[in-house]
N, C-alpha and C. Protein backbone atom coordinates (compact mmCIF):
# COMPACT_ATOMS: atom_id res chain seq x y z
N MET A 1 -14.85 7.73 -29.37
CA MET A 1 -14.11 8.57 -28.45
C MET A 1 -13.98 7.84 -27.11
N PRO A 2 -12.79 7.84 -26.50
CA PRO A 2 -12.62 7.19 -25.19
C PRO A 2 -13.50 7.83 -24.13
N GLN A 3 -13.96 7.02 -23.20
CA GLN A 3 -14.81 7.52 -22.13
C GLN A 3 -14.00 7.77 -20.86
N MET A 4 -14.42 8.78 -20.12
CA MET A 4 -13.80 9.09 -18.85
C MET A 4 -14.16 8.00 -17.84
N LYS A 5 -13.18 7.60 -17.03
CA LYS A 5 -13.44 6.67 -15.94
C LYS A 5 -13.75 7.49 -14.70
N VAL A 6 -14.88 7.22 -14.09
CA VAL A 6 -15.27 7.93 -12.88
C VAL A 6 -15.37 6.91 -11.74
N VAL A 7 -14.74 7.23 -10.63
CA VAL A 7 -14.81 6.38 -9.44
C VAL A 7 -15.61 7.14 -8.40
N ASP A 8 -16.79 6.61 -8.07
CA ASP A 8 -17.67 7.29 -7.12
C ASP A 8 -17.67 6.55 -5.78
N GLY A 9 -18.44 7.07 -4.85
CA GLY A 9 -18.52 6.47 -3.52
C GLY A 9 -19.02 5.04 -3.55
N GLU A 10 -19.95 4.74 -4.45
CA GLU A 10 -20.47 3.37 -4.53
C GLU A 10 -19.38 2.40 -4.98
N ALA A 11 -18.54 2.84 -5.92
CA ALA A 11 -17.43 1.98 -6.37
C ALA A 11 -16.46 1.72 -5.22
N LEU A 12 -16.20 2.74 -4.42
CA LEU A 12 -15.31 2.56 -3.26
C LEU A 12 -15.96 1.67 -2.21
N ASP A 13 -17.28 1.81 -2.02
CA ASP A 13 -17.99 0.92 -1.09
C ASP A 13 -17.85 -0.54 -1.52
N ARG A 14 -18.02 -0.80 -2.82
CA ARG A 14 -17.90 -2.17 -3.35
C ARG A 14 -16.46 -2.68 -3.16
N LEU A 15 -15.49 -1.80 -3.42
CA LEU A 15 -14.09 -2.18 -3.27
C LEU A 15 -13.79 -2.55 -1.82
N CYS A 16 -14.29 -1.77 -0.88
CA CYS A 16 -14.09 -2.07 0.55
C CYS A 16 -14.76 -3.38 0.94
N ALA A 17 -15.96 -3.62 0.41
CA ALA A 17 -16.66 -4.87 0.70
C ALA A 17 -15.87 -6.06 0.17
N GLU A 18 -15.30 -5.93 -1.02
CA GLU A 18 -14.48 -7.01 -1.57
C GLU A 18 -13.23 -7.23 -0.71
N ALA A 19 -12.64 -6.16 -0.22
CA ALA A 19 -11.45 -6.29 0.65
C ALA A 19 -11.81 -7.00 1.95
N ARG A 20 -12.98 -6.70 2.49
CA ARG A 20 -13.40 -7.37 3.73
C ARG A 20 -13.52 -8.87 3.54
N LEU A 21 -13.93 -9.32 2.35
CA LEU A 21 -14.13 -10.74 2.07
C LEU A 21 -12.88 -11.44 1.55
N ALA A 22 -11.89 -10.68 1.13
CA ALA A 22 -10.69 -11.26 0.54
C ALA A 22 -9.79 -11.89 1.61
N PRO A 23 -9.19 -13.03 1.30
CA PRO A 23 -8.30 -13.67 2.27
C PRO A 23 -7.16 -12.76 2.72
N ARG A 24 -6.66 -11.91 1.83
CA ARG A 24 -5.54 -11.01 2.17
C ARG A 24 -6.03 -9.69 2.77
N LYS A 25 -7.34 -9.50 2.88
CA LYS A 25 -7.95 -8.31 3.46
C LYS A 25 -7.60 -7.03 2.71
N ARG A 26 -7.45 -7.16 1.39
CA ARG A 26 -7.22 -5.99 0.55
C ARG A 26 -7.67 -6.28 -0.87
N LYS A 27 -7.95 -5.21 -1.59
CA LYS A 27 -8.41 -5.34 -2.97
C LYS A 27 -8.06 -4.05 -3.69
N ASN A 28 -7.70 -4.16 -4.96
CA ASN A 28 -7.40 -2.96 -5.73
C ASN A 28 -8.32 -2.80 -6.93
N LEU A 29 -8.45 -1.56 -7.35
CA LEU A 29 -9.23 -1.18 -8.52
C LEU A 29 -8.29 -0.42 -9.44
N ASN A 30 -7.85 -1.08 -10.51
CA ASN A 30 -6.90 -0.48 -11.43
C ASN A 30 -7.60 0.48 -12.39
N LEU A 31 -7.00 1.63 -12.59
CA LEU A 31 -7.46 2.55 -13.62
C LEU A 31 -6.63 2.39 -14.89
N HIS A 32 -5.39 1.92 -14.75
CA HIS A 32 -4.55 1.70 -15.92
C HIS A 32 -5.06 0.45 -16.65
N PRO A 33 -4.90 0.40 -17.98
CA PRO A 33 -5.53 -0.66 -18.76
C PRO A 33 -4.92 -2.05 -18.60
N CYS A 34 -3.62 -2.15 -18.28
CA CYS A 34 -3.00 -3.47 -18.18
C CYS A 34 -1.69 -3.36 -17.41
N ASP A 35 -1.15 -4.52 -17.00
CA ASP A 35 0.10 -4.53 -16.23
C ASP A 35 1.26 -3.93 -17.00
N ALA A 36 1.19 -3.92 -18.33
CA ALA A 36 2.27 -3.40 -19.15
C ALA A 36 2.23 -1.87 -19.28
N SER A 37 1.22 -1.23 -18.71
CA SER A 37 1.08 0.23 -18.83
C SER A 37 2.30 0.93 -18.24
N ALA A 38 2.65 2.05 -18.83
CA ALA A 38 3.81 2.83 -18.38
C ALA A 38 3.55 3.51 -17.04
N ALA A 39 2.30 3.82 -16.76
CA ALA A 39 1.94 4.46 -15.49
C ALA A 39 0.84 3.64 -14.83
N HIS A 40 1.07 3.26 -13.59
CA HIS A 40 0.06 2.51 -12.85
C HIS A 40 -0.67 3.47 -11.91
N ARG A 41 -1.99 3.45 -12.02
CA ARG A 41 -2.87 4.29 -11.21
C ARG A 41 -3.98 3.39 -10.70
N LEU A 42 -4.10 3.32 -9.38
CA LEU A 42 -5.08 2.40 -8.82
C LEU A 42 -5.51 2.83 -7.43
N PHE A 43 -6.69 2.35 -7.05
CA PHE A 43 -7.19 2.50 -5.69
C PHE A 43 -6.95 1.19 -4.97
N ASN A 44 -6.50 1.26 -3.73
CA ASN A 44 -6.29 0.09 -2.89
C ASN A 44 -7.18 0.23 -1.66
N ALA A 45 -7.98 -0.78 -1.39
CA ALA A 45 -8.77 -0.84 -0.16
C ALA A 45 -8.08 -1.84 0.76
N LEU A 46 -7.84 -1.41 2.00
CA LEU A 46 -7.16 -2.25 2.99
C LEU A 46 -8.01 -2.34 4.24
N GLN A 47 -7.99 -3.51 4.85
CA GLN A 47 -8.64 -3.72 6.13
C GLN A 47 -7.57 -3.93 7.19
N PRO A 48 -7.83 -3.55 8.44
CA PRO A 48 -6.87 -3.86 9.50
C PRO A 48 -6.56 -5.35 9.50
N GLY A 49 -5.30 -5.66 9.73
CA GLY A 49 -4.87 -7.05 9.73
C GLY A 49 -4.26 -7.51 8.42
N THR A 50 -4.40 -6.70 7.35
CA THR A 50 -3.71 -7.08 6.12
C THR A 50 -2.22 -6.87 6.33
N TYR A 51 -1.42 -7.68 5.67
CA TYR A 51 0.04 -7.58 5.80
C TYR A 51 0.64 -7.36 4.43
N ILE A 52 1.34 -6.25 4.30
CA ILE A 52 2.11 -5.95 3.10
C ILE A 52 3.58 -6.06 3.52
N ARG A 53 4.23 -7.09 3.08
CA ARG A 53 5.62 -7.28 3.47
C ARG A 53 6.45 -6.07 3.05
N PRO A 54 7.27 -5.55 3.94
CA PRO A 54 8.13 -4.43 3.55
C PRO A 54 8.92 -4.79 2.28
N HIS A 55 9.00 -3.82 1.40
CA HIS A 55 9.64 -4.03 0.11
C HIS A 55 10.16 -2.69 -0.40
N ARG A 56 10.91 -2.75 -1.47
CA ARG A 56 11.39 -1.54 -2.13
C ARG A 56 11.32 -1.77 -3.63
N HIS A 57 11.37 -0.69 -4.36
CA HIS A 57 11.39 -0.75 -5.82
C HIS A 57 12.73 -0.20 -6.25
N LEU A 58 13.58 -1.04 -6.85
CA LEU A 58 14.93 -0.61 -7.20
C LEU A 58 14.99 0.20 -8.49
N ASP A 59 13.99 0.07 -9.34
CA ASP A 59 13.94 0.84 -10.58
C ASP A 59 13.85 2.33 -10.24
N ALA A 60 14.77 3.12 -10.77
CA ALA A 60 14.83 4.56 -10.47
C ALA A 60 13.57 5.31 -10.89
N GLU A 61 12.73 4.71 -11.70
CA GLU A 61 11.48 5.34 -12.13
C GLU A 61 10.31 4.97 -11.23
N LYS A 62 10.53 4.12 -10.22
CA LYS A 62 9.41 3.59 -9.44
C LYS A 62 9.27 4.20 -8.06
N ASP A 63 9.37 5.54 -7.96
CA ASP A 63 8.91 6.19 -6.75
C ASP A 63 7.42 5.87 -6.65
N GLU A 64 6.89 5.85 -5.44
CA GLU A 64 5.50 5.42 -5.24
C GLU A 64 4.76 6.47 -4.41
N THR A 65 3.61 6.90 -4.90
CA THR A 65 2.83 7.92 -4.20
C THR A 65 1.53 7.32 -3.71
N PHE A 66 1.22 7.58 -2.41
CA PHE A 66 -0.04 7.17 -1.80
C PHE A 66 -0.82 8.42 -1.42
N VAL A 67 -2.08 8.49 -1.84
CA VAL A 67 -2.98 9.58 -1.45
C VAL A 67 -4.19 8.94 -0.78
N ILE A 68 -4.41 9.24 0.48
CA ILE A 68 -5.50 8.60 1.23
C ILE A 68 -6.84 9.20 0.82
N VAL A 69 -7.83 8.34 0.62
CA VAL A 69 -9.16 8.75 0.21
C VAL A 69 -10.18 8.51 1.32
N ARG A 70 -10.01 7.39 2.03
CA ARG A 70 -10.87 7.02 3.16
C ARG A 70 -10.01 6.42 4.25
N GLY A 71 -10.40 6.63 5.49
CA GLY A 71 -9.73 5.97 6.59
C GLY A 71 -8.36 6.53 6.90
N ALA A 72 -7.45 5.63 7.33
CA ALA A 72 -6.11 6.06 7.73
C ALA A 72 -5.12 4.91 7.54
N LEU A 73 -3.92 5.30 7.15
CA LEU A 73 -2.82 4.35 6.98
C LEU A 73 -1.62 4.83 7.76
N GLY A 74 -0.89 3.88 8.30
CA GLY A 74 0.44 4.16 8.83
C GLY A 74 1.44 3.77 7.75
N ILE A 75 2.30 4.70 7.39
CA ILE A 75 3.34 4.45 6.39
C ILE A 75 4.65 4.32 7.15
N VAL A 76 5.42 3.27 6.87
CA VAL A 76 6.68 3.02 7.56
C VAL A 76 7.78 2.84 6.52
N MET A 77 8.91 3.51 6.77
CA MET A 77 10.11 3.32 5.94
C MET A 77 11.20 2.72 6.82
N PHE A 78 12.01 1.84 6.24
CA PHE A 78 13.03 1.08 6.95
C PHE A 78 14.40 1.27 6.30
N ASP A 79 15.46 1.07 7.10
CA ASP A 79 16.79 1.00 6.51
C ASP A 79 16.99 -0.44 6.01
N ASP A 80 18.16 -0.71 5.45
CA ASP A 80 18.41 -2.02 4.87
C ASP A 80 18.41 -3.15 5.89
N ALA A 81 18.62 -2.82 7.17
CA ALA A 81 18.62 -3.83 8.23
C ALA A 81 17.24 -4.04 8.82
N GLY A 82 16.24 -3.25 8.38
CA GLY A 82 14.88 -3.41 8.88
C GLY A 82 14.54 -2.52 10.05
N ARG A 83 15.43 -1.58 10.40
CA ARG A 83 15.12 -0.62 11.46
C ARG A 83 14.23 0.47 10.90
N VAL A 84 13.22 0.85 11.67
CA VAL A 84 12.32 1.92 11.26
C VAL A 84 13.10 3.23 11.25
N VAL A 85 13.07 3.93 10.11
CA VAL A 85 13.76 5.21 10.00
C VAL A 85 12.78 6.38 9.92
N GLU A 86 11.55 6.09 9.53
CA GLU A 86 10.55 7.15 9.43
C GLU A 86 9.17 6.51 9.38
N SER A 87 8.20 7.20 9.97
CA SER A 87 6.82 6.75 9.88
C SER A 87 5.91 7.96 9.96
N CYS A 88 4.73 7.80 9.41
CA CYS A 88 3.72 8.86 9.49
C CYS A 88 2.36 8.25 9.30
N VAL A 89 1.35 8.99 9.70
CA VAL A 89 -0.04 8.60 9.46
C VAL A 89 -0.57 9.51 8.37
N ILE A 90 -1.22 8.90 7.38
CA ILE A 90 -1.99 9.70 6.42
C ILE A 90 -3.45 9.35 6.67
N ARG A 91 -4.27 10.39 6.77
CA ARG A 91 -5.67 10.22 7.15
C ARG A 91 -6.54 11.08 6.24
N ALA A 92 -7.62 10.50 5.73
CA ALA A 92 -8.55 11.26 4.88
C ALA A 92 -9.05 12.47 5.67
N GLY A 93 -8.89 13.65 5.12
CA GLY A 93 -9.31 14.88 5.78
C GLY A 93 -8.39 15.32 6.89
N GLY A 94 -7.27 14.62 7.09
CA GLY A 94 -6.36 14.94 8.17
C GLY A 94 -5.26 15.89 7.77
N GLU A 95 -4.32 16.06 8.68
CA GLU A 95 -3.18 16.96 8.43
C GLU A 95 -2.30 16.43 7.30
N ASN A 96 -2.02 15.13 7.31
CA ASN A 96 -1.22 14.49 6.25
C ASN A 96 -2.15 13.63 5.41
N VAL A 97 -2.19 13.88 4.11
CA VAL A 97 -3.09 13.13 3.24
C VAL A 97 -2.36 12.35 2.15
N ALA A 98 -1.04 12.49 2.07
CA ALA A 98 -0.30 11.78 1.03
C ALA A 98 1.12 11.52 1.51
N ALA A 99 1.72 10.49 0.93
CA ALA A 99 3.13 10.18 1.18
C ALA A 99 3.75 9.74 -0.14
N ASP A 100 4.96 10.21 -0.38
CA ASP A 100 5.70 9.84 -1.58
C ASP A 100 6.93 9.06 -1.14
N ILE A 101 7.04 7.83 -1.57
CA ILE A 101 8.11 6.93 -1.16
C ILE A 101 9.15 6.88 -2.28
N PRO A 102 10.39 7.29 -2.00
CA PRO A 102 11.41 7.22 -3.04
C PRO A 102 11.77 5.78 -3.39
N HIS A 103 12.16 5.56 -4.63
CA HIS A 103 12.60 4.23 -5.04
C HIS A 103 13.82 3.83 -4.20
N GLY A 104 13.99 2.54 -4.03
CA GLY A 104 15.14 2.03 -3.31
C GLY A 104 14.99 1.99 -1.80
N VAL A 105 13.87 2.49 -1.26
CA VAL A 105 13.65 2.54 0.18
C VAL A 105 12.62 1.49 0.58
N TYR A 106 12.97 0.67 1.56
CA TYR A 106 12.02 -0.32 2.06
C TYR A 106 10.86 0.41 2.73
N HIS A 107 9.64 -0.08 2.48
CA HIS A 107 8.45 0.57 3.04
C HIS A 107 7.30 -0.43 3.14
N THR A 108 6.31 -0.02 3.93
CA THR A 108 5.06 -0.77 4.01
C THR A 108 3.97 0.20 4.43
N ALA A 109 2.73 -0.28 4.35
CA ALA A 109 1.57 0.48 4.82
C ALA A 109 0.77 -0.42 5.75
N VAL A 110 0.25 0.18 6.82
CA VAL A 110 -0.55 -0.53 7.81
C VAL A 110 -1.93 0.11 7.86
N ALA A 111 -2.98 -0.66 7.67
CA ALA A 111 -4.35 -0.14 7.76
C ALA A 111 -4.66 0.15 9.22
N LEU A 112 -5.00 1.40 9.51
CA LEU A 112 -5.30 1.80 10.88
C LEU A 112 -6.79 1.89 11.16
N GLU A 113 -7.59 1.88 10.10
CA GLU A 113 -9.06 1.91 10.23
C GLU A 113 -9.65 0.96 9.20
N ALA A 114 -10.82 0.44 9.52
CA ALA A 114 -11.54 -0.39 8.56
C ALA A 114 -11.87 0.44 7.32
N ASP A 115 -11.89 -0.24 6.18
CA ASP A 115 -12.27 0.37 4.90
C ASP A 115 -11.37 1.55 4.52
N SER A 116 -10.09 1.45 4.82
CA SER A 116 -9.14 2.48 4.38
C SER A 116 -8.87 2.30 2.90
N VAL A 117 -8.87 3.40 2.17
CA VAL A 117 -8.65 3.38 0.73
C VAL A 117 -7.63 4.45 0.38
N PHE A 118 -6.64 4.06 -0.42
CA PHE A 118 -5.70 5.05 -0.92
C PHE A 118 -5.55 4.90 -2.43
N PHE A 119 -5.20 6.02 -3.05
CA PHE A 119 -4.89 6.04 -4.47
C PHE A 119 -3.39 5.92 -4.60
N GLU A 120 -2.93 5.02 -5.45
CA GLU A 120 -1.51 4.77 -5.64
C GLU A 120 -1.12 5.09 -7.07
N ALA A 121 0.02 5.72 -7.23
CA ALA A 121 0.56 5.98 -8.56
C ALA A 121 2.04 5.65 -8.55
N LYS A 122 2.46 4.92 -9.57
CA LYS A 122 3.89 4.63 -9.77
C LYS A 122 4.08 4.20 -11.21
N ALA A 123 5.33 4.19 -11.62
CA ALA A 123 5.65 3.79 -12.99
C ALA A 123 5.40 2.31 -13.18
N GLY A 124 4.96 1.96 -14.37
CA GLY A 124 4.85 0.57 -14.77
C GLY A 124 6.07 0.25 -15.62
N PRO A 125 6.08 -0.85 -16.28
CA PRO A 125 5.10 -1.92 -16.20
C PRO A 125 5.24 -2.71 -14.91
N TYR A 126 4.24 -3.54 -14.64
CA TYR A 126 4.30 -4.40 -13.47
C TYR A 126 5.39 -5.45 -13.66
N VAL A 127 6.24 -5.55 -12.66
CA VAL A 127 7.27 -6.58 -12.62
C VAL A 127 7.24 -7.14 -11.19
N PRO A 128 7.09 -8.45 -11.03
CA PRO A 128 7.09 -9.01 -9.67
C PRO A 128 8.36 -8.61 -8.92
N LEU A 129 8.22 -8.44 -7.61
CA LEU A 129 9.37 -8.06 -6.80
C LEU A 129 10.46 -9.14 -6.88
N SER A 130 11.69 -8.69 -7.02
CA SER A 130 12.82 -9.61 -6.98
C SER A 130 13.15 -9.91 -5.52
N ASP A 131 13.95 -10.93 -5.27
CA ASP A 131 14.36 -11.24 -3.90
C ASP A 131 15.08 -10.06 -3.28
N GLU A 132 15.84 -9.32 -4.07
CA GLU A 132 16.58 -8.14 -3.59
C GLU A 132 15.65 -7.00 -3.17
N GLU A 133 14.43 -7.00 -3.70
CA GLU A 133 13.46 -5.94 -3.37
C GLU A 133 12.60 -6.29 -2.16
N LYS A 134 12.53 -7.55 -1.81
CA LYS A 134 11.74 -7.98 -0.66
C LYS A 134 12.54 -7.76 0.62
N GLY A 135 11.87 -7.26 1.65
CA GLY A 135 12.54 -7.04 2.93
C GLY A 135 12.84 -8.35 3.62
N GLY A 136 14.04 -8.85 3.46
CA GLY A 136 14.42 -10.11 4.07
C GLY A 136 14.39 -10.07 5.59
N PHE A 137 14.33 -8.88 6.16
CA PHE A 137 14.26 -8.71 7.61
C PHE A 137 12.84 -8.92 8.14
N ALA A 138 11.87 -9.03 7.26
CA ALA A 138 10.46 -9.16 7.65
C ALA A 138 9.94 -10.52 7.22
N PRO A 139 8.97 -11.06 7.96
CA PRO A 139 8.44 -12.38 7.58
C PRO A 139 7.73 -12.35 6.23
N GLU A 140 7.77 -13.48 5.56
CA GLU A 140 7.05 -13.62 4.29
C GLU A 140 5.56 -13.65 4.58
N GLU A 141 4.78 -13.14 3.63
CA GLU A 141 3.33 -13.18 3.77
C GLU A 141 2.88 -14.62 3.96
N GLY A 142 1.99 -14.84 4.93
CA GLY A 142 1.48 -16.17 5.22
C GLY A 142 2.31 -16.92 6.24
N GLY A 143 3.46 -16.36 6.62
CA GLY A 143 4.32 -17.02 7.60
C GLY A 143 3.78 -16.89 9.02
N GLY A 144 4.24 -17.75 9.90
CA GLY A 144 3.75 -17.78 11.27
C GLY A 144 4.11 -16.57 12.10
N GLU A 145 5.12 -15.81 11.70
CA GLU A 145 5.58 -14.66 12.46
C GLU A 145 4.85 -13.36 12.06
N VAL A 146 4.00 -13.42 11.05
CA VAL A 146 3.37 -12.22 10.51
C VAL A 146 2.54 -11.49 11.56
N THR A 147 1.73 -12.21 12.32
CA THR A 147 0.82 -11.57 13.28
C THR A 147 1.60 -10.72 14.28
N ALA A 148 2.66 -11.26 14.85
CA ALA A 148 3.46 -10.52 15.83
C ALA A 148 4.17 -9.35 15.18
N TYR A 149 4.71 -9.54 13.97
CA TYR A 149 5.42 -8.46 13.28
C TYR A 149 4.45 -7.32 12.95
N LEU A 150 3.27 -7.65 12.43
CA LEU A 150 2.28 -6.64 12.10
C LEU A 150 1.82 -5.90 13.35
N ALA A 151 1.69 -6.60 14.46
CA ALA A 151 1.30 -5.96 15.73
C ALA A 151 2.36 -4.93 16.14
N ARG A 152 3.65 -5.27 15.98
CA ARG A 152 4.71 -4.31 16.31
C ARG A 152 4.64 -3.07 15.42
N LEU A 153 4.38 -3.28 14.15
CA LEU A 153 4.24 -2.13 13.24
C LEU A 153 3.05 -1.27 13.63
N THR A 154 1.93 -1.90 13.94
CA THR A 154 0.72 -1.17 14.31
C THR A 154 0.95 -0.35 15.58
N GLU A 155 1.74 -0.87 16.50
CA GLU A 155 2.03 -0.17 17.76
C GLU A 155 2.73 1.17 17.51
N LEU A 156 3.41 1.31 16.39
CA LEU A 156 4.08 2.58 16.07
C LEU A 156 3.09 3.74 15.99
N PHE A 157 1.83 3.43 15.78
CA PHE A 157 0.82 4.47 15.52
C PHE A 157 -0.18 4.63 16.64
N LYS A 158 0.10 4.07 17.82
CA LYS A 158 -0.82 4.21 18.96
C LYS A 158 -0.32 5.27 19.90
């Protein structure tokens, strides 16, 4: 008989510790069995300073849901030119605890507190982002402009 997967506080502590040590300052814990799964369910631990390049999912089945478990995230949505069209803070135990991002909309998340963890759900299977899905208006991860761009995004939430 299949066993239930349980994610407890210790598992989240380990996930946050791994994110602190990771070069990208984030780490995920997948609950789905493989990248080919029809539904992706995972926990993401983010540290301040991580950069998630704005992107969109063009597949009509790939709306994306974030539910905050620890800490706080700033969620930002952009138009096709890279102008901010909407933003919100989701905070564990706060007024807003989840955000649902429609497919086709450029978006990103900004870690506002150390050891922020959110649960993510979206349709699989995993397919790397196409050039059309990457926000060409934003710097590529690892680029020299990332620090300044991320600082501007973070300022939206101060």
